[in-house]
Amino acid sequence: MTMAQGRIDTSPVKKQKGFRHLFAAASYSLGGARRLLGEAAFRHELLAFGAVMVGFVATGATLFQYVAMGILFLLMMAFEAINTAIEEIVDRVSPEISDMGRNAKDLGSFACFCMIVANALYAAYVVILSHWL
């Protein structure tokens, strides 16, 4: 039974070990990154990160500020990935509109919003406020 035949393959997945596991995990992560690139919100966040990096260069940000911004951005990417996963699971499990599905999606969206605000506030501090304080 394969997906190509219109059925879902229900055979157990063979777990890789050692270096093969490392390569398998990396390929799964790359697949997730490709899927995330399909999200308009994520592409907007990438563009904003690029603009922030230009602002950091223009204002002479310190190495620590670049590292802190990079960590915040990685966290935002992780939150966006988890939010996308939640949305896909809800759509698969509960295709009809339900309060529980809506709440799950709204909570994931709020988590992403909080990370966007954290990134924006830190970027604004480094690019604008740190030079006046």
Protein backbone atom coordinates (compact mmCIF):
# COMPACT_ATOMS: atom_id res chain seq x y z
CA MET A 1 0.00 0.00 0.00
CA THR A 2 1.54 3.27 -1.10
CA MET A 3 0.35 6.85 -1.26
CA ALA A 4 0.68 6.72 -5.06
CA GLN A 5 -2.06 4.09 -5.16
CA GLY A 6 -4.35 6.40 -3.19
CA ARG A 7 -3.85 4.56 0.08
CA ILE A 8 -1.78 5.42 3.10
CA ASP A 9 1.19 3.19 3.87
CA THR A 10 0.58 1.81 7.36
CA SER A 11 3.67 -0.39 7.58
CA PRO A 12 5.98 0.40 10.49
CA VAL A 13 8.77 2.87 9.82
CA LYS A 14 12.23 1.33 10.06
CA LYS A 15 14.29 3.41 12.52
CA GLN A 16 17.76 4.37 11.38
CA LYS A 17 20.73 4.19 13.74
CA GLY A 18 24.09 5.91 13.99
CA PHE A 19 25.08 8.23 11.16
CA ARG A 20 22.11 7.13 9.07
CA HIS A 21 19.83 8.47 11.80
CA LEU A 22 21.69 11.78 11.67
CA PHE A 23 21.22 12.05 7.90
CA ALA A 24 17.58 10.96 8.12
CA ALA A 25 16.88 13.58 10.81
CA ALA A 26 18.59 16.26 8.72
CA SER A 27 16.50 15.33 5.68
CA TYR A 28 13.31 15.55 7.76
CA SER A 29 14.37 18.98 9.01
CA LEU A 30 15.07 20.16 5.46
CA GLY A 31 11.63 18.88 4.44
CA GLY A 32 10.11 20.92 7.24
CA ALA A 33 12.04 24.01 6.15
CA ARG A 34 10.81 23.55 2.56
CA ARG A 35 7.25 23.21 3.84
CA LEU A 36 7.64 26.34 5.98
CA LEU A 37 8.88 28.31 2.96
CA GLY A 38 5.44 27.65 1.48
CA GLU A 39 3.89 29.84 4.19
CA ALA A 40 3.50 33.51 3.26
CA ALA A 41 3.88 34.59 6.90
CA PHE A 42 7.25 32.85 7.12
CA ARG A 43 8.47 34.45 3.90
CA HIS A 44 7.46 37.85 5.32
CA GLU A 45 9.39 37.09 8.49
CA LEU A 46 12.46 36.18 6.42
CA LEU A 47 12.22 39.49 4.56
CA ALA A 48 11.85 41.38 7.84
CA PHE A 49 14.91 39.57 9.24
CA GLY A 50 16.90 40.61 6.18
CA ALA A 51 15.82 44.22 6.65
CA VAL A 52 16.76 44.06 10.33
CA MET A 53 20.21 42.71 9.43
CA VAL A 54 20.69 45.67 7.07
CA GLY A 55 19.71 47.97 9.95
CA PHE A 56 22.16 46.21 12.25
CA VAL A 57 25.00 46.70 9.74
CA ALA A 58 24.05 50.34 9.16
CA THR A 59 24.05 51.15 12.88
CA GLY A 60 27.12 49.13 13.83
CA ALA A 61 25.49 46.52 16.05
CA THR A 62 27.73 44.52 18.36
CA LEU A 63 28.44 40.80 17.99
CA PHE A 64 26.25 40.13 21.04
CA GLN A 65 23.35 41.99 19.42
CA TYR A 66 23.69 39.91 16.23
CA VAL A 67 23.77 36.69 18.27
CA ALA A 68 20.75 37.71 20.37
CA MET A 69 18.80 38.66 17.22
CA GLY A 70 19.77 35.38 15.58
CA ILE A 71 18.53 33.40 18.59
CA LEU A 72 15.26 35.34 18.67
CA PHE A 73 14.79 34.73 14.96
CA LEU A 74 15.48 31.00 15.32
CA LEU A 75 12.89 30.87 18.09
CA MET A 76 10.40 32.66 15.84
CA MET A 77 11.08 30.13 13.07
CA ALA A 78 10.49 27.29 15.54
CA PHE A 79 7.21 28.82 16.73
CA GLU A 80 6.10 29.32 13.11
CA ALA A 81 6.92 25.68 12.32
CA ILE A 82 4.97 24.43 15.35
CA ASN A 83 2.04 26.71 14.46
CA THR A 84 2.01 25.35 10.91
CA ALA A 85 2.11 21.79 12.25
CA ILE A 86 -0.83 22.53 14.56
CA GLU A 87 -2.82 24.00 11.67
CA GLU A 88 -2.14 20.98 9.45
CA ILE A 89 -3.09 18.52 12.18
CA VAL A 90 -6.30 20.40 13.01
CA ASP A 91 -7.24 20.57 9.32
CA ARG A 92 -6.63 16.82 8.97
CA VAL A 93 -8.34 15.69 12.17
CA SER A 94 -11.16 18.23 12.24
CA PRO A 95 -11.85 19.61 8.75
CA GLU A 96 -15.17 21.03 9.93
CA ILE A 97 -15.17 24.32 11.80
CA SER A 98 -15.13 23.68 15.54
CA ASP A 99 -14.39 25.73 18.64
CA MET A 100 -11.58 23.38 19.64
CA GLY A 101 -9.93 23.59 16.21
CA ARG A 102 -10.32 27.36 16.10
CA ASN A 103 -8.87 27.70 19.60
CA ALA A 104 -5.87 25.52 18.74
CA LYS A 105 -5.14 27.58 15.63
CA ASP A 106 -5.69 30.89 17.45
CA LEU A 107 -3.32 29.87 20.27
CA GLY A 108 -0.63 28.89 17.77
CA SER A 109 -1.11 32.18 15.98
CA PHE A 110 -0.85 34.10 19.25
CA ALA A 111 2.43 32.33 20.08
CA CYS A 112 3.81 33.45 16.70
CA PHE A 113 2.55 36.98 17.29
CA CYS A 114 4.36 37.12 20.64
CA MET A 115 7.61 36.07 18.97
CA ILE A 116 7.14 38.64 16.20
CA VAL A 117 6.65 41.36 18.83
CA ALA A 118 9.74 40.19 20.76
CA ASN A 119 11.83 40.25 17.55
CA ALA A 120 10.49 43.66 16.52
CA LEU A 121 11.04 45.22 19.95
CA TYR A 122 14.61 43.94 20.17
CA ALA A 123 15.39 45.04 16.60
CA ALA A 124 13.95 48.50 17.29
CA TYR A 125 16.00 48.76 20.47
CA VAL A 126 19.26 47.87 18.68
CA VAL A 127 18.67 49.96 15.54
CA ILE A 128 17.01 53.03 17.10
CA LEU A 129 16.99 53.25 20.89
CA SER A 130 20.44 51.90 21.84
CA HIS A 131 22.11 54.86 20.13
CA TRP A 132 20.12 57.38 22.17
CA LEU A 133 20.37 55.68 25.56
